[in-house]
Amino acid sequence: TRTRVALSPATARAVLRGDVRSWAGLGEPAGRLRVVAAPGS
C-alpha cells in the first residue's frame, strides 16, 4: 500500500548501511523504520 517507491542510489545505500531509521528519511510520513534483512545482506 505504500505509493512512494523510488529512492536515489545514495539514499538506498544509506538504508543498507543502517543510517536511515525513520520513514521520513525516505520521503514518507514520519514513523519508525524497521528493517529486516535476508542472509547475505
Full PDB file with SEQRES, HELIX, SHEET, SSBOND, CRYST1, ORIGX, SCALE, CONECT and MASTER records, all heavy atoms in Angstrom:
SEQRES   1 A   41  THR ARG THR ARG VAL ALA LEU SER PRO ALA THR ALA ARG          
SEQRES   2 A   41  ALA VAL LEU ARG GLY ASP VAL ARG SER TRP ALA GLY LEU          
SEQRES   3 A   41  GLY GLU PRO ALA GLY ARG LEU ARG VAL VAL ALA ALA PRO          
SEQRES   4 A   41  GLY SER                                                      
HELIX    1 AA1 PRO A    9  ARG A   17  1                                   9    
HELIX    2 AA2 TRP A   23  LEU A   26  5                                   4    
CRYST1    1.000    1.000    1.000  90.00  90.00  90.00 P 1           1          
ORIGX1      1.000000  0.000000  0.000000        0.00000                         
ORIGX2      0.000000  1.000000  0.000000        0.00000                         
ORIGX3      0.000000  0.000000  1.000000        0.00000                         
SCALE1      1.000000  0.000000  0.000000        0.00000                         
SCALE2      0.000000  1.000000  0.000000        0.00000                         
SCALE3      0.000000  0.000000  1.000000        0.00000                         
ATOM      1  N   THR A   1       0.807  -1.220   0.000  1.00  0.00           N  
ATOM      2  CA  THR A   1       0.000   0.000   0.000  1.00  0.00           C  
ATOM      3  C   THR A   1       0.841   1.271   0.000  1.00  0.00           C  
ATOM      4  O   THR A   1       0.273   2.375  -0.053  1.00  0.00           O  
ATOM      5  CB  THR A   1      -0.933   0.033   1.216  1.00  0.00           C  
ATOM      6  OG1 THR A   1      -0.144   0.079   2.415  1.00  0.00           O  
ATOM      7  CG2 THR A   1      -1.839  -1.192   1.244  1.00  0.00           C  
ATOM      8  N   ARG A   2       2.151   1.165   0.054  1.00  0.00           N  
ATOM      9  CA  ARG A   2       2.991   2.368   0.005  1.00  0.00           C  
ATOM     10  C   ARG A   2       3.132   2.815  -1.449  1.00  0.00           C  
ATOM     11  O   ARG A   2       3.439   2.009  -2.326  1.00  0.00           O  
ATOM     12  CB  ARG A   2       4.357   2.115   0.642  1.00  0.00           C  
ATOM     13  CG  ARG A   2       4.270   1.992   2.159  1.00  0.00           C  
ATOM     14  CD  ARG A   2       5.603   2.145   2.832  1.00  0.00           C  
ATOM     15  NE  ARG A   2       5.470   2.120   4.282  1.00  0.00           N  
ATOM     16  CZ  ARG A   2       5.258   3.193   5.042  1.00  0.00           C  
ATOM     17  NH1 ARG A   2       5.169   4.384   4.468  1.00  0.00           N  
ATOM     18  NH2 ARG A   2       5.133   3.077   6.345  1.00  0.00           N  
ATOM     19  N   THR A   3       2.924   4.104  -1.684  1.00  0.00           N  
ATOM     20  CA  THR A   3       2.908   4.607  -3.051  1.00  0.00           C  
ATOM     21  C   THR A   3       4.221   5.257  -3.463  1.00  0.00           C  
ATOM     22  O   THR A   3       4.521   5.332  -4.645  1.00  0.00           O  
ATOM     23  CB  THR A   3       1.772   5.634  -3.229  1.00  0.00           C  
ATOM     24  OG1 THR A   3       1.911   6.677  -2.262  1.00  0.00           O  
ATOM     25  CG2 THR A   3       0.421   4.958  -3.058  1.00  0.00           C  
ATOM     26  N   ARG A   4       4.996   5.760  -2.529  1.00  0.00           N  
ATOM     27  CA  ARG A   4       6.264   6.402  -2.869  1.00  0.00           C  
ATOM     28  C   ARG A   4       7.357   5.335  -2.837  1.00  0.00           C  
ATOM     29  O   ARG A   4       7.879   4.989  -1.780  1.00  0.00           O  
ATOM     30  CB  ARG A   4       6.590   7.530  -1.893  1.00  0.00           C  
ATOM     31  CG  ARG A   4       7.754   8.412  -2.344  1.00  0.00           C  
ATOM     32  CD  ARG A   4       8.038   9.475  -1.293  1.00  0.00           C  
ATOM     33  NE  ARG A   4       6.904  10.351  -1.088  1.00  0.00           N  
ATOM     34  CZ  ARG A   4       6.654  11.433  -1.823  1.00  0.00           C  
ATOM     35  NH1 ARG A   4       7.463  11.758  -2.813  1.00  0.00           N  
ATOM     36  NH2 ARG A   4       5.606  12.192  -1.563  1.00  0.00           N  
ATOM     37  N   VAL A   5       7.702   4.802  -3.991  1.00  0.00           N  
ATOM     38  CA  VAL A   5       8.596   3.647  -4.024  1.00  0.00           C  
ATOM     39  C   VAL A   5       9.770   3.914  -4.961  1.00  0.00           C  
ATOM     40  O   VAL A   5      10.085   3.115  -5.836  1.00  0.00           O  
ATOM     41  CB  VAL A   5       7.843   2.372  -4.457  1.00  0.00           C  
ATOM     42  CG1 VAL A   5       6.954   1.865  -3.355  1.00  0.00           C  
ATOM     43  CG2 VAL A   5       7.034   2.622  -5.723  1.00  0.00           C  
ATOM     44  N   ALA A   6      10.444   5.045  -4.761  1.00  0.00           N  
ATOM     45  CA  ALA A   6      11.626   5.368  -5.559  1.00  0.00           C  
ATOM     46  C   ALA A   6      12.626   6.097  -4.670  1.00  0.00           C  
ATOM     47  O   ALA A   6      12.258   6.999  -3.909  1.00  0.00           O  
ATOM     48  CB  ALA A   6      11.256   6.228  -6.762  1.00  0.00           C  
ATOM     49  N   LEU A   7      13.896   5.696  -4.758  1.00  0.00           N  
ATOM     50  CA  LEU A   7      14.955   6.310  -3.971  1.00  0.00           C  
ATOM     51  C   LEU A   7      16.150   6.609  -4.864  1.00  0.00           C  
ATOM     52  O   LEU A   7      16.364   5.954  -5.883  1.00  0.00           O  
ATOM     53  CB  LEU A   7      15.401   5.380  -2.836  1.00  0.00           C  
ATOM     54  CG  LEU A   7      14.366   4.992  -1.778  1.00  0.00           C  
ATOM     55  CD1 LEU A   7      14.975   3.994  -0.808  1.00  0.00           C  
ATOM     56  CD2 LEU A   7      13.856   6.225  -1.037  1.00  0.00           C  
ATOM     57  N   SER A   8      16.950   7.568  -4.456  1.00  0.00           N  
ATOM     58  CA  SER A   8      18.224   7.800  -5.121  1.00  0.00           C  
ATOM     59  C   SER A   8      19.195   6.703  -4.701  1.00  0.00           C  
ATOM     60  O   SER A   8      19.043   6.094  -3.634  1.00  0.00           O  
ATOM     61  CB  SER A   8      18.792   9.160  -4.732  1.00  0.00           C  
ATOM     62  OG  SER A   8      19.183   9.142  -3.355  1.00  0.00           O  
ATOM     63  N   PRO A   9      20.225   6.431  -5.514  1.00  0.00           N  
ATOM     64  CA  PRO A   9      21.228   5.439  -5.084  1.00  0.00           C  
ATOM     65  C   PRO A   9      21.862   5.788  -3.742  1.00  0.00           C  
ATOM     66  O   PRO A   9      22.120   4.895  -2.921  1.00  0.00           O  
ATOM     67  CB  PRO A   9      22.244   5.466  -6.222  1.00  0.00           C  
ATOM     68  CG  PRO A   9      21.450   5.884  -7.428  1.00  0.00           C  
ATOM     69  CD  PRO A   9      20.450   6.880  -6.886  1.00  0.00           C  
ATOM     70  N   ALA A  10      22.109   7.064  -3.490  1.00  0.00           N  
ATOM     71  CA  ALA A  10      22.741   7.455  -2.222  1.00  0.00           C  
ATOM     72  C   ALA A  10      21.835   7.137  -1.039  1.00  0.00           C  
ATOM     73  O   ALA A  10      22.296   6.624  -0.008  1.00  0.00           O  
ATOM     74  CB  ALA A  10      23.076   8.950  -2.252  1.00  0.00           C  
ATOM     75  N   THR A  11      20.540   7.419  -1.166  1.00  0.00           N  
ATOM     76  CA  THR A  11      19.619   7.113  -0.068  1.00  0.00           C  
ATOM     77  C   THR A  11      19.494   5.610   0.125  1.00  0.00           C  
ATOM     78  O   THR A  11      19.451   5.119   1.257  1.00  0.00           O  
ATOM     79  CB  THR A  11      18.237   7.732  -0.347  1.00  0.00           C  
ATOM     80  OG1 THR A  11      18.376   9.142  -0.508  1.00  0.00           O  
ATOM     81  CG2 THR A  11      17.280   7.449   0.792  1.00  0.00           C  
ATOM     82  N   ALA A  12      19.427   4.862  -0.973  1.00  0.00           N  
ATOM     83  CA  ALA A  12      19.327   3.409  -0.859  1.00  0.00           C  
ATOM     84  C   ALA A  12      20.551   2.841  -0.153  1.00  0.00           C  
ATOM     85  O   ALA A  12      20.435   1.952   0.706  1.00  0.00           O  
ATOM     86  CB  ALA A  12      19.178   2.784  -2.246  1.00  0.00           C  
ATOM     87  N   ARG A  13      21.734   3.342  -0.488  1.00  0.00           N  
ATOM     88  CA  ARG A  13      22.946   2.850   0.190  1.00  0.00           C  
ATOM     89  C   ARG A  13      22.958   3.248   1.664  1.00  0.00           C  
ATOM     90  O   ARG A  13      23.454   2.491   2.514  1.00  0.00           O  
ATOM     91  CB  ARG A  13      24.186   3.376  -0.534  1.00  0.00           C  
ATOM     92  CG  ARG A  13      24.458   2.656  -1.855  1.00  0.00           C  
ATOM     93  CD  ARG A  13      25.829   3.004  -2.400  1.00  0.00           C  
ATOM     94  NE  ARG A  13      25.864   4.347  -2.940  1.00  0.00           N  
ATOM     95  CZ  ARG A  13      25.599   4.676  -4.195  1.00  0.00           C  
ATOM     96  NH1 ARG A  13      25.261   3.731  -5.055  1.00  0.00           N  
ATOM     97  NH2 ARG A  13      25.677   5.925  -4.604  1.00  0.00           N  
ATOM     98  N   ALA A  14      22.399   4.416   1.986  1.00  0.00           N  
ATOM     99  CA  ALA A  14      22.296   4.816   3.398  1.00  0.00           C  
ATOM    100  C   ALA A  14      21.392   3.850   4.163  1.00  0.00           C  
ATOM    101  O   ALA A  14      21.673   3.503   5.317  1.00  0.00           O  
ATOM    102  CB  ALA A  14      21.774   6.251   3.495  1.00  0.00           C  
ATOM    103  N   VAL A  15      20.313   3.406   3.527  1.00  0.00           N  
ATOM    104  CA  VAL A  15      19.443   2.406   4.162  1.00  0.00           C  
ATOM    105  C   VAL A  15      20.228   1.128   4.410  1.00  0.00           C  
ATOM    106  O   VAL A  15      20.168   0.529   5.490  1.00  0.00           O  
ATOM    107  CB  VAL A  15      18.212   2.122   3.290  1.00  0.00           C  
ATOM    108  CG1 VAL A  15      17.405   0.949   3.860  1.00  0.00           C  
ATOM    109  CG2 VAL A  15      17.330   3.363   3.178  1.00  0.00           C  
ATOM    110  N   LEU A  16      21.010   0.698   3.413  1.00  0.00           N  
ATOM    111  CA  LEU A  16      21.757  -0.550   3.548  1.00  0.00           C  
ATOM    112  C   LEU A  16      22.864  -0.459   4.585  1.00  0.00           C  
ATOM    113  O   LEU A  16      23.272  -1.472   5.147  1.00  0.00           O  
ATOM    114  CB  LEU A  16      22.339  -0.949   2.187  1.00  0.00           C  
ATOM    115  CG  LEU A  16      21.314  -1.305   1.096  1.00  0.00           C  
ATOM    116  CD1 LEU A  16      22.018  -1.609  -0.221  1.00  0.00           C  
ATOM    117  CD2 LEU A  16      20.452  -2.469   1.525  1.00  0.00           C  
ATOM    118  N   ARG A  17      23.348   0.736   4.846  1.00  0.00           N  
ATOM    119  CA  ARG A  17      24.361   0.913   5.899  1.00  0.00           C  
ATOM    120  C   ARG A  17      23.728   0.973   7.284  1.00  0.00           C  
ATOM    121  O   ARG A  17      24.425   0.945   8.294  1.00  0.00           O  
ATOM    122  CB  ARG A  17      25.149   2.203   5.666  1.00  0.00           C  
ATOM    123  CG  ARG A  17      26.106   2.175   4.493  1.00  0.00           C  
ATOM    124  CD  ARG A  17      27.077   3.355   4.574  1.00  0.00           C  
ATOM    125  NE  ARG A  17      26.380   4.637   4.628  1.00  0.00           N  
ATOM    126  CZ  ARG A  17      26.065   5.385   3.570  1.00  0.00           C  
ATOM    127  NH1 ARG A  17      26.388   4.952   2.353  1.00  0.00           N  
ATOM    128  NH2 ARG A  17      25.444   6.534   3.714  1.00  0.00           N  
ATOM    129  N   GLY A  18      22.403   1.105   7.334  1.00  0.00           N  
ATOM    130  CA  GLY A  18      21.728   1.247   8.611  1.00  0.00           C  
ATOM    131  C   GLY A  18      21.669   2.673   9.103  1.00  0.00           C  
ATOM    132  O   GLY A  18      21.394   2.911  10.284  1.00  0.00           O  
ATOM    133  N   ASP A  19      21.889   3.659   8.200  1.00  0.00           N  
ATOM    134  CA  ASP A  19      21.915   5.064   8.606  1.00  0.00           C  
ATOM    135  C   ASP A  19      20.545   5.726   8.591  1.00  0.00           C  
ATOM    136  O   ASP A  19      20.412   6.866   9.029  1.00  0.00           O  
ATOM    137  CB  ASP A  19      22.858   5.854   7.682  1.00  0.00           C  
ATOM    138  CG  ASP A  19      24.310   5.410   7.830  1.00  0.00           C  
ATOM    139  OD1 ASP A  19      24.636   4.805   8.879  1.00  0.00           O  
ATOM    140  OD2 ASP A  19      25.097   5.667   6.905  1.00  0.00           O  
ATOM    141  N   VAL A  20      19.544   5.068   8.032  1.00  0.00           N  
ATOM    142  CA  VAL A  20      18.200   5.651   7.960  1.00  0.00           C  
ATOM    143  C   VAL A  20      17.309   4.901   8.948  1.00  0.00           C  
ATOM    144  O   VAL A  20      17.125   3.686   8.834  1.00  0.00           O  
ATOM    145  CB  VAL A  20      17.619   5.554   6.538  1.00  0.00           C  
ATOM    146  CG1 VAL A  20      16.212   6.147   6.498  1.00  0.00           C  
ATOM    147  CG2 VAL A  20      18.527   6.270   5.538  1.00  0.00           C  
ATOM    148  N   ARG A  21      16.765   5.619   9.907  1.00  0.00           N  
ATOM    149  CA  ARG A  21      15.985   4.977  10.966  1.00  0.00           C  
ATOM    150  C   ARG A  21      14.504   5.368  10.945  1.00  0.00           C  
ATOM    151  O   ARG A  21      13.723   4.831  11.723  1.00  0.00           O  
ATOM    152  CB  ARG A  21      16.581   5.332  12.330  1.00  0.00           C  
ATOM    153  CG  ARG A  21      18.044   4.909  12.493  1.00  0.00           C  
ATOM    154  CD  ARG A  21      18.211   3.413  12.350  1.00  0.00           C  
ATOM    155  NE  ARG A  21      19.590   2.987  12.500  1.00  0.00           N  
ATOM    156  CZ  ARG A  21      20.144   2.639  13.650  1.00  0.00           C  
ATOM    157  NH1 ARG A  21      19.424   2.684  14.761  1.00  0.00           N  
ATOM    158  NH2 ARG A  21      21.406   2.275  13.704  1.00  0.00           N  
ATOM    159  N   SER A  22      14.124   6.311  10.076  1.00  0.00           N  
ATOM    160  CA  SER A  22      12.746   6.784  10.038  1.00  0.00           C  
ATOM    161  C   SER A  22      12.253   6.809   8.601  1.00  0.00           C  
ATOM    162  O   SER A  22      13.035   7.023   7.663  1.00  0.00           O  
ATOM    163  CB  SER A  22      12.652   8.186  10.643  1.00  0.00           C  
ATOM    164  OG  SER A  22      11.383   8.760  10.385  1.00  0.00           O  
ATOM    165  N   TRP A  23      10.945   6.609   8.416  1.00  0.00           N  
ATOM    166  CA  TRP A  23      10.355   6.697   7.083  1.00  0.00           C  
ATOM    167  C   TRP A  23      10.482   8.100   6.516  1.00  0.00           C  
ATOM    168  O   TRP A  23      10.464   8.288   5.289  1.00  0.00           O  
ATOM    169  CB  TRP A  23       8.887   6.272   7.131  1.00  0.00           C  
ATOM    170  CG  TRP A  23       8.746   4.792   7.200  1.00  0.00           C  
ATOM    171  CD1 TRP A  23       8.502   4.034   8.309  1.00  0.00           C  
ATOM    172  CD2 TRP A  23       8.849   3.872   6.108  1.00  0.00           C  
ATOM    173  NE1 TRP A  23       8.458   2.706   7.987  1.00  0.00           N  
ATOM    174  CE2 TRP A  23       8.660   2.581   6.633  1.00  0.00           C  
ATOM    175  CE3 TRP A  23       9.085   4.016   4.745  1.00  0.00           C  
ATOM    176  CZ2 TRP A  23       8.703   1.435   5.851  1.00  0.00           C  
ATOM    177  CZ3 TRP A  23       9.130   2.889   3.944  1.00  0.00           C  
ATOM    178  CH2 TRP A  23       8.940   1.613   4.494  1.00  0.00           C  
ATOM    179  N   ALA A  24      10.627   9.096   7.380  1.00  0.00           N  
ATOM    180  CA  ALA A  24      10.806  10.466   6.892  1.00  0.00           C  
ATOM    181  C   ALA A  24      12.061  10.569   6.030  1.00  0.00           C  
ATOM    182  O   ALA A  24      12.113  11.363   5.089  1.00  0.00           O  
ATOM    183  CB  ALA A  24      10.869  11.447   8.067  1.00  0.00           C  
ATOM    184  N   GLY A  25      13.066   9.764   6.327  1.00  0.00           N  
ATOM    185  CA  GLY A  25      14.285   9.770   5.529  1.00  0.00           C  
ATOM    186  C   GLY A  25      14.097   9.200   4.137  1.00  0.00           C  
ATOM    187  O   GLY A  25      14.971   9.331   3.281  1.00  0.00           O  
ATOM    188  N   LEU A  26      12.934   8.579   3.897  1.00  0.00           N  
ATOM    189  CA  LEU A  26      12.622   8.024   2.579  1.00  0.00           C  
ATOM    190  C   LEU A  26      11.516   8.814   1.888  1.00  0.00           C  
ATOM    191  O   LEU A  26      10.949   8.365   0.889  1.00  0.00           O  
ATOM    192  CB  LEU A  26      12.192   6.554   2.721  1.00  0.00           C  
ATOM    193  CG  LEU A  26      13.174   5.634   3.443  1.00  0.00           C  
ATOM    194  CD1 LEU A  26      12.633   4.213   3.487  1.00  0.00           C  
ATOM    195  CD2 LEU A  26      14.529   5.666   2.768  1.00  0.00           C  
ATOM    196  N   GLY A  27      11.204  10.005   2.443  1.00  0.00           N  
ATOM    197  CA  GLY A  27      10.181  10.831   1.828  1.00  0.00           C  
ATOM    198  C   GLY A  27       8.771  10.448   2.190  1.00  0.00           C  
ATOM    199  O   GLY A  27       7.817  10.950   1.584  1.00  0.00           O  
ATOM    200  N   GLU A  28       8.597   9.581   3.165  1.00  0.00           N  
ATOM    201  CA  GLU A  28       7.273   9.154   3.619  1.00  0.00           C  
ATOM    202  C   GLU A  28       6.936   9.874   4.925  1.00  0.00           C  
ATOM    203  O   GLU A  28       7.816  10.450   5.572  1.00  0.00           O  
ATOM    204  CB  GLU A  28       7.257   7.645   3.848  1.00  0.00           C  
ATOM    205  CG  GLU A  28       7.383   6.810   2.584  1.00  0.00           C  
ATOM    206  CD  GLU A  28       6.038   6.563   1.952  1.00  0.00           C  
ATOM    207  OE1 GLU A  28       5.290   5.681   2.407  1.00  0.00           O  
ATOM    208  OE2 GLU A  28       5.714   7.291   0.997  1.00  0.00           O  
ATOM    209  N   PRO A  29       5.682   9.861   5.347  1.00  0.00           N  
ATOM    210  CA  PRO A  29       5.357  10.436   6.656  1.00  0.00           C  
ATOM    211  C   PRO A  29       6.214   9.812   7.749  1.00  0.00           C  
ATOM    212  O   PRO A  29       6.559   8.632   7.691  1.00  0.00           O  
ATOM    213  CB  PRO A  29       3.872  10.083   6.834  1.00  0.00           C  
ATOM    214  CG  PRO A  29       3.345   9.980   5.436  1.00  0.00           C  
ATOM    215  CD  PRO A  29       4.475   9.395   4.626  1.00  0.00           C  
ATOM    216  N   ALA A  30       6.553  10.613   8.741  1.00  0.00           N  
ATOM    217  CA  ALA A  30       7.460  10.158   9.790  1.00  0.00           C  
ATOM    218  C   ALA A  30       6.905   8.935  10.495  1.00  0.00           C  
ATOM    219  O   ALA A  30       5.703   8.771  10.659  1.00  0.00           O  
ATOM    220  CB  ALA A  30       7.699  11.287  10.793  1.00  0.00           C  
ATOM    221  N   GLY A  31       7.799   8.085  10.903  1.00  0.00           N  
ATOM    222  CA  GLY A  31       7.458   6.871  11.626  1.00  0.00           C  
ATOM    223  C   GLY A  31       8.688   5.992  11.715  1.00  0.00           C  
ATOM    224  O   GLY A  31       9.608   6.091  10.893  1.00  0.00           O  
ATOM    225  N   ARG A  32       8.750   5.141  12.740  1.00  0.00           N  
ATOM    226  CA  ARG A  32       9.916   4.287  12.933  1.00  0.00           C  
ATOM    227  C   ARG A  32      10.059   3.309  11.774  1.00  0.00           C  
ATOM    228  O   ARG A  32       9.098   2.662  11.372  1.00  0.00           O  
ATOM    229  CB  ARG A  32       9.804   3.516  14.244  1.00  0.00           C  
ATOM    230  CG  ARG A  32      11.048   2.678  14.567  1.00  0.00           C  
ATOM    231  CD  ARG A  32      10.841   1.895  15.845  1.00  0.00           C  
ATOM    232  NE  ARG A  32       9.887   0.820  15.671  1.00  0.00           N  
ATOM    233  CZ  ARG A  32      10.220  -0.410  15.220  1.00  0.00           C  
ATOM    234  NH1 ARG A  32      11.472  -0.675  14.888  1.00  0.00           N  
ATOM    235  NH2 ARG A  32       9.300  -1.346  15.113  1.00  0.00           N  
ATOM    236  N   LEU A  33      11.248   3.225  11.232  1.00  0.00           N  
ATOM    237  CA  LEU A  33      11.551   2.322  10.126  1.00  0.00           C  
ATOM    238  C   LEU A  33      12.181   1.050  10.684  1.00  0.00           C  
ATOM    239  O   LEU A  33      13.257   1.085  11.285  1.00  0.00           O  
ATOM    240  CB  LEU A  33      12.501   2.985   9.131  1.00  0.00           C  
ATOM    241  CG  LEU A  33      13.024   2.111   8.000  1.00  0.00           C  
ATOM    242  CD1 LEU A  33      11.894   1.697   7.073  1.00  0.00           C  
ATOM    243  CD2 LEU A  33      14.108   2.845   7.209  1.00  0.00           C  
ATOM    244  N   ARG A  34      11.510  -0.052  10.489  1.00  0.00           N  
ATOM    245  CA  ARG A  34      12.040  -1.351  10.891  1.00  0.00           C  
ATOM    246  C   ARG A  34      12.591  -2.036   9.642  1.00  0.00           C  
ATOM    247  O   ARG A  34      11.899  -2.152   8.638  1.00  0.00           O  
ATOM    248  CB  ARG A  34      10.947  -2.197  11.523  1.00  0.00           C  
ATOM    249  CG  ARG A  34      11.365  -3.626  11.867  1.00  0.00           C  
ATOM    250  CD  ARG A  34      10.143  -4.471  12.183  1.00  0.00           C  
ATOM    251  NE  ARG A  34      10.487  -5.863  12.472  1.00  0.00           N  
ATOM    252  CZ  ARG A  34       9.620  -6.862  12.352  1.00  0.00           C  
ATOM    253  NH1 ARG A  34       8.372  -6.640  11.957  1.00  0.00           N  
ATOM    254  NH2 ARG A  34      10.004  -8.104  12.631  1.00  0.00           N  
ATOM    255  N   VAL A  35      13.845  -2.474   9.678  1.00  0.00           N  
ATOM    256  CA  VAL A  35      14.472  -3.129   8.532  1.00  0.00           C  
ATOM    257  C   VAL A  35      14.759  -4.585   8.889  1.00  0.00           C  
ATOM    258  O   VAL A  35      15.375  -4.877   9.921  1.00  0.00           O  
ATOM    259  CB  VAL A  35      15.785  -2.422   8.119  1.00  0.00           C  
ATOM    260  CG1 VAL A  35      16.424  -3.137   6.933  1.00  0.00           C  
ATOM    261  CG2 VAL A  35      15.504  -0.964   7.759  1.00  0.00           C  
ATOM    262  N   VAL A  36      14.294  -5.489   8.042  1.00  0.00           N  
ATOM    263  CA  VAL A  36      14.554  -6.920   8.197  1.00  0.00           C  
ATOM    264  C   VAL A  36      15.331  -7.364   6.968  1.00  0.00           C  
ATOM    265  O   VAL A  36      14.897  -7.127   5.833  1.00  0.00           O  
ATOM    266  CB  VAL A  36      13.247  -7.719   8.328  1.00  0.00           C  
ATOM    267  CG1 VAL A  36      13.532  -9.207   8.459  1.00  0.00           C  
ATOM    268  CG2 VAL A  36      12.432  -7.216   9.522  1.00  0.00           C  
ATOM    269  N   ALA A  37      16.476  -7.993   7.172  1.00  0.00           N  
ATOM    270  CA  ALA A  37      17.366  -8.314   6.070  1.00  0.00           C  
ATOM    271  C   ALA A  37      17.605  -9.811   5.964  1.00  0.00           C  
ATOM    272  O   ALA A  37      17.748 -10.512   6.973  1.00  0.00           O  
ATOM    273  CB  ALA A  37      18.703  -7.590   6.239  1.00  0.00           C  
ATOM    274  N   ALA A  38      17.653 -10.298   4.730  1.00  0.00           N  
ATOM    275  CA  ALA A  38      17.961 -11.699   4.471  1.00  0.00           C  
ATOM    276  C   ALA A  38      19.453 -11.945   4.638  1.00  0.00           C  
ATOM    277  O   ALA A  38      20.263 -11.021   4.560  1.00  0.00           O  
ATOM    278  CB  ALA A  38      17.535 -12.067   3.053  1.00  0.00           C  
ATOM    279  N   PRO A  39      19.871 -13.195   4.860  1.00  0.00           N  
ATOM    280  CA  PRO A  39      21.297 -13.504   4.946  1.00  0.00           C  
ATOM    281  C   PRO A  39      22.014 -13.047   3.683  1.00  0.00           C  
ATOM    282  O   PRO A  39      21.503 -13.152   2.573  1.00  0.00           O  
ATOM    283  CB  PRO A  39      21.316 -15.030   5.072  1.00  0.00           C  
ATOM    284  CG  PRO A  39      19.978 -15.388   5.617  1.00  0.00           C  
ATOM    285  CD  PRO A  39      19.025 -14.383   5.049  1.00  0.00           C  
ATOM    286  N   GLY A  40      23.226 -12.544   3.857  1.00  0.00           N  
ATOM    287  CA  GLY A  40      23.995 -12.085   2.718  1.00  0.00           C  
ATOM    288  C   GLY A  40      23.856 -10.607   2.461  1.00  0.00           C  
ATOM    289  O   GLY A  40      24.567 -10.049   1.636  1.00  0.00           O  
ATOM    290  N   SER A  41      22.934  -9.940   3.169  1.00  0.00           N  
ATOM    291  CA  SER A  41      22.790  -8.506   3.001  1.00  0.00           C  
ATOM    292  C   SER A  41      23.956  -7.786   3.683  1.00  0.00           C  
ATOM    293  O   SER A  41      24.587  -8.334   4.596  1.00  0.00           O  
ATOM    294  CB  SER A  41      21.468  -8.038   3.609  1.00  0.00           C  
ATOM    295  OG  SER A  41      20.388  -8.689   2.985  1.00  0.00           O  
TER     296      SER A  41                                                      
MASTER        0    0    0    2    0    0    0    6  295    1    0    4          
END                                                                             
